Amino acid sequence: MQFKPSEQVDNLAEQIEKLNSRLLKIEEAAHRTSTHKNYIWGLIKSGKLPAVRIGERVVRVYESDLLKLFSDYKGGEFGKYAN
């Protein structure tokens, strides 16, 4: 697969960001987002949150991927979110 130069830079930037990011346990991710661990598992199973398997039983998520899921709430009658 050939990448365009701009895609290569974006891909490299994303890889560097992940290298600088912490790997979180599912429970830690749930605690940081004030959600239940089943919610985090649901995000992983739906493909919305990438996860890393380490060995047979250990699953972790990158903190940077977790933070990308959330956006600032701007309020309003029906709720508007910043992009």
N, C-alpha and C. Protein backbone atom coordinates (compact mmCIF):
# COMPACT_ATOMS: atom_id res chain seq x y z
N MET A 1 0.85 -1.18 0.00
CA MET A 1 0.00 0.00 0.00
C MET A 1 0.88 1.24 0.00
N GLN A 2 0.64 2.12 -0.92
CA GLN A 2 1.41 3.36 -1.01
C GLN A 2 0.69 4.48 -0.28
N PHE A 3 1.44 5.24 0.49
CA PHE A 3 0.90 6.39 1.18
C PHE A 3 1.36 7.66 0.49
N LYS A 4 0.50 8.63 0.49
CA LYS A 4 0.90 9.96 0.03
C LYS A 4 1.75 10.59 1.13
N PRO A 5 2.64 11.54 0.79
CA PRO A 5 3.49 12.14 1.82
C PRO A 5 2.71 12.71 3.01
N SER A 6 1.58 13.35 2.76
CA SER A 6 0.81 13.92 3.87
C SER A 6 0.23 12.83 4.75
N GLU A 7 -0.16 11.69 4.15
CA GLU A 7 -0.67 10.57 4.93
C GLU A 7 0.43 9.97 5.79
N GLN A 8 1.64 9.92 5.25
CA GLN A 8 2.77 9.38 6.00
C GLN A 8 3.06 10.25 7.22
N VAL A 9 3.00 11.56 7.06
CA VAL A 9 3.24 12.47 8.17
C VAL A 9 2.15 12.31 9.22
N ASP A 10 0.88 12.24 8.79
CA ASP A 10 -0.22 12.06 9.73
C ASP A 10 -0.06 10.74 10.48
N ASN A 11 0.29 9.68 9.75
CA ASN A 11 0.46 8.37 10.36
C ASN A 11 1.61 8.39 11.36
N LEU A 12 2.70 9.04 11.01
CA LEU A 12 3.86 9.14 11.90
C LEU A 12 3.49 9.94 13.15
N ALA A 13 2.77 11.03 12.98
CA ALA A 13 2.35 11.84 14.12
C ALA A 13 1.47 11.03 15.06
N GLU A 14 0.58 10.23 14.48
CA GLU A 14 -0.30 9.39 15.29
C GLU A 14 0.51 8.34 16.05
N GLN A 15 1.51 7.76 15.41
CA GLN A 15 2.35 6.76 16.07
C GLN A 15 3.15 7.38 17.22
N ILE A 16 3.66 8.57 17.01
CA ILE A 16 4.42 9.26 18.05
C ILE A 16 3.51 9.59 19.23
N GLU A 17 2.29 10.02 18.93
CA GLU A 17 1.32 10.34 19.99
C GLU A 17 1.05 9.10 20.83
N LYS A 18 0.89 7.95 20.19
CA LYS A 18 0.63 6.71 20.94
C LYS A 18 1.83 6.30 21.78
N LEU A 19 3.04 6.52 21.26
CA LEU A 19 4.23 6.19 22.03
C LEU A 19 4.32 7.03 23.31
N ASN A 20 3.85 8.26 23.25
CA ASN A 20 3.88 9.15 24.41
C ASN A 20 2.68 8.96 25.33
N SER A 21 1.70 8.18 24.90
CA SER A 21 0.48 7.98 25.66
C SER A 21 0.62 6.78 26.59
N ARG A 22 -0.08 6.82 27.69
CA ARG A 22 -0.08 5.71 28.65
C ARG A 22 -1.05 4.63 28.21
N LEU A 23 -0.73 3.39 28.56
CA LEU A 23 -1.67 2.30 28.40
C LEU A 23 -2.46 2.18 29.70
N LEU A 24 -3.78 2.18 29.57
CA LEU A 24 -4.65 2.12 30.75
C LEU A 24 -5.35 0.78 30.84
N LYS A 25 -5.53 0.30 32.07
CA LYS A 25 -6.39 -0.86 32.29
C LYS A 25 -7.82 -0.44 32.00
N ILE A 26 -8.68 -1.41 31.74
CA ILE A 26 -10.10 -1.11 31.47
C ILE A 26 -10.70 -0.39 32.67
N GLU A 27 -10.37 -0.84 33.86
CA GLU A 27 -10.91 -0.21 35.07
C GLU A 27 -10.41 1.24 35.21
N GLU A 28 -9.15 1.48 34.86
CA GLU A 28 -8.62 2.84 34.91
C GLU A 28 -9.31 3.74 33.90
N ALA A 29 -9.55 3.21 32.71
CA ALA A 29 -10.24 3.99 31.67
C ALA A 29 -11.65 4.34 32.14
N ALA A 30 -12.32 3.39 32.76
CA ALA A 30 -13.68 3.65 33.26
C ALA A 30 -13.65 4.70 34.37
N HIS A 31 -12.68 4.60 35.25
CA HIS A 31 -12.57 5.57 36.35
C HIS A 31 -12.28 6.97 35.81
N ARG A 32 -11.39 7.08 34.85
CA ARG A 32 -11.04 8.38 34.28
C ARG A 32 -12.21 9.05 33.58
N THR A 33 -13.10 8.25 33.01
CA THR A 33 -14.25 8.80 32.28
C THR A 33 -15.53 8.80 33.10
N SER A 34 -15.42 8.40 34.36
CA SER A 34 -16.58 8.31 35.26
C SER A 34 -17.69 7.45 34.65
N THR A 35 -17.28 6.34 34.06
CA THR A 35 -18.23 5.39 33.49
C THR A 35 -17.97 4.02 34.09
N HIS A 36 -18.77 3.05 33.71
CA HIS A 36 -18.60 1.67 34.17
C HIS A 36 -17.69 0.93 33.20
N LYS A 37 -16.98 -0.08 33.70
CA LYS A 37 -16.08 -0.82 32.83
C LYS A 37 -16.82 -1.52 31.70
N ASN A 38 -18.09 -1.86 31.89
CA ASN A 38 -18.87 -2.48 30.81
C ASN A 38 -19.07 -1.51 29.65
N TYR A 39 -19.15 -0.22 29.95
CA TYR A 39 -19.27 0.80 28.89
C TYR A 39 -17.99 0.82 28.06
N ILE A 40 -16.84 0.77 28.72
CA ILE A 40 -15.56 0.75 28.01
C ILE A 40 -15.46 -0.50 27.16
N TRP A 41 -15.84 -1.66 27.71
CA TRP A 41 -15.83 -2.90 26.93
C TRP A 41 -16.74 -2.78 25.71
N GLY A 42 -17.89 -2.15 25.87
CA GLY A 42 -18.81 -1.96 24.75
C GLY A 42 -18.19 -1.10 23.65
N LEU A 43 -17.46 -0.05 24.04
CA LEU A 43 -16.77 0.79 23.06
C LEU A 43 -15.71 -0.01 22.31
N ILE A 44 -15.01 -0.87 23.02
CA ILE A 44 -13.99 -1.70 22.38
C ILE A 44 -14.63 -2.68 21.41
N LYS A 45 -15.68 -3.35 21.86
CA LYS A 45 -16.34 -4.36 21.01
C LYS A 45 -17.01 -3.74 19.79
N SER A 46 -17.47 -2.50 19.91
CA SER A 46 -18.12 -1.84 18.77
C SER A 46 -17.09 -1.25 17.80
N GLY A 47 -15.82 -1.24 18.19
CA GLY A 47 -14.77 -0.70 17.33
C GLY A 47 -14.54 0.79 17.49
N LYS A 48 -15.24 1.42 18.41
CA LYS A 48 -15.08 2.87 18.62
C LYS A 48 -13.84 3.20 19.42
N LEU A 49 -13.36 2.24 20.21
CA LEU A 49 -12.17 2.45 21.04
C LEU A 49 -11.18 1.33 20.74
N PRO A 50 -10.06 1.66 20.11
CA PRO A 50 -9.05 0.64 19.84
C PRO A 50 -8.44 0.11 21.14
N ALA A 51 -8.13 -1.16 21.16
CA ALA A 51 -7.53 -1.77 22.34
C ALA A 51 -6.32 -2.59 21.93
N VAL A 52 -5.45 -2.83 22.89
CA VAL A 52 -4.24 -3.60 22.67
C VAL A 52 -4.30 -4.84 23.56
N ARG A 53 -4.09 -5.99 22.96
CA ARG A 53 -4.05 -7.22 23.75
C ARG A 53 -2.59 -7.54 24.04
N ILE A 54 -2.29 -7.79 25.30
CA ILE A 54 -0.95 -8.16 25.74
C ILE A 54 -1.05 -9.55 26.32
N GLY A 55 -0.55 -10.53 25.62
CA GLY A 55 -0.69 -11.91 26.06
C GLY A 55 -2.10 -12.41 25.78
N GLU A 56 -2.53 -13.39 26.54
CA GLU A 56 -3.84 -14.00 26.31
C GLU A 56 -4.97 -13.28 27.02
N ARG A 57 -4.69 -12.68 28.18
CA ARG A 57 -5.78 -12.17 28.99
C ARG A 57 -5.75 -10.67 29.27
N VAL A 58 -4.66 -10.02 28.97
CA VAL A 58 -4.51 -8.61 29.34
C VAL A 58 -4.90 -7.71 28.17
N VAL A 59 -5.83 -6.78 28.44
CA VAL A 59 -6.28 -5.82 27.43
C VAL A 59 -6.07 -4.42 27.99
N ARG A 60 -5.52 -3.54 27.16
CA ARG A 60 -5.28 -2.16 27.56
C ARG A 60 -5.76 -1.22 26.46
N VAL A 61 -6.03 0.03 26.84
CA VAL A 61 -6.37 1.06 25.86
C VAL A 61 -5.40 2.22 26.03
N TYR A 62 -5.08 2.88 24.91
CA TYR A 62 -4.23 4.06 24.98
C TYR A 62 -5.03 5.23 25.52
N GLU A 63 -4.42 5.97 26.42
CA GLU A 63 -5.08 7.14 26.99
C GLU A 63 -5.46 8.14 25.90
N SER A 64 -4.61 8.31 24.89
CA SER A 64 -4.90 9.27 23.82
C SER A 64 -6.13 8.84 23.02
N ASP A 65 -6.31 7.54 22.79
CA ASP A 65 -7.51 7.07 22.08
C ASP A 65 -8.76 7.30 22.91
N LEU A 66 -8.65 7.11 24.21
CA LEU A 66 -9.78 7.33 25.10
C LEU A 66 -10.21 8.79 25.09
N LEU A 67 -9.23 9.70 25.14
CA LEU A 67 -9.54 11.13 25.17
C LEU A 67 -10.15 11.61 23.85
N LYS A 68 -9.79 10.97 22.74
CA LYS A 68 -10.34 11.36 21.43
C LYS A 68 -11.85 11.11 21.34
N LEU A 69 -12.36 10.21 22.15
CA LEU A 69 -13.79 9.88 22.10
C LEU A 69 -14.68 11.00 22.64
N PHE A 70 -14.12 11.82 23.49
CA PHE A 70 -14.92 12.82 24.18
C PHE A 70 -14.68 14.21 23.63
N SER A 71 -15.74 15.00 23.55
CA SER A 71 -15.64 16.38 23.09
C SER A 71 -16.32 17.29 24.11
N ASP A 72 -16.03 18.57 24.04
CA ASP A 72 -16.60 19.53 24.97
C ASP A 72 -18.09 19.70 24.72
N TYR A 73 -18.86 19.77 25.79
CA TYR A 73 -20.29 20.00 25.71
C TYR A 73 -20.55 21.50 25.70
N LYS A 74 -21.31 21.98 24.72
CA LYS A 74 -21.57 23.41 24.59
C LYS A 74 -22.93 23.82 25.14
N GLY A 75 -23.72 22.87 25.61
CA GLY A 75 -25.01 23.21 26.18
C GLY A 75 -26.07 23.44 25.13
N GLY A 76 -27.18 24.00 25.55
CA GLY A 76 -28.27 24.26 24.63
C GLY A 76 -29.41 23.29 24.87
N GLU A 77 -30.52 23.56 24.22
CA GLU A 77 -31.73 22.77 24.45
C GLU A 77 -31.52 21.29 24.12
N PHE A 78 -30.92 20.98 22.97
CA PHE A 78 -30.73 19.61 22.57
C PHE A 78 -29.29 19.16 22.75
N GLY A 79 -28.46 20.02 23.25
CA GLY A 79 -27.05 19.68 23.46
C GLY A 79 -26.28 19.81 22.17
N LYS A 80 -25.29 20.64 22.18
CA LYS A 80 -24.43 20.81 21.02
C LYS A 80 -23.01 20.52 21.46
N TYR A 81 -22.30 19.84 20.60
CA TYR A 81 -20.95 19.46 20.93
C TYR A 81 -19.96 20.14 20.01
N ALA A 82 -18.83 20.52 20.56
CA ALA A 82 -17.77 21.15 19.78
C ALA A 82 -17.09 20.10 18.92
N ASN A 83 -16.69 20.46 17.74
CA ASN A 83 -15.96 19.52 16.89
C ASN A 83 -14.51 19.89 16.82
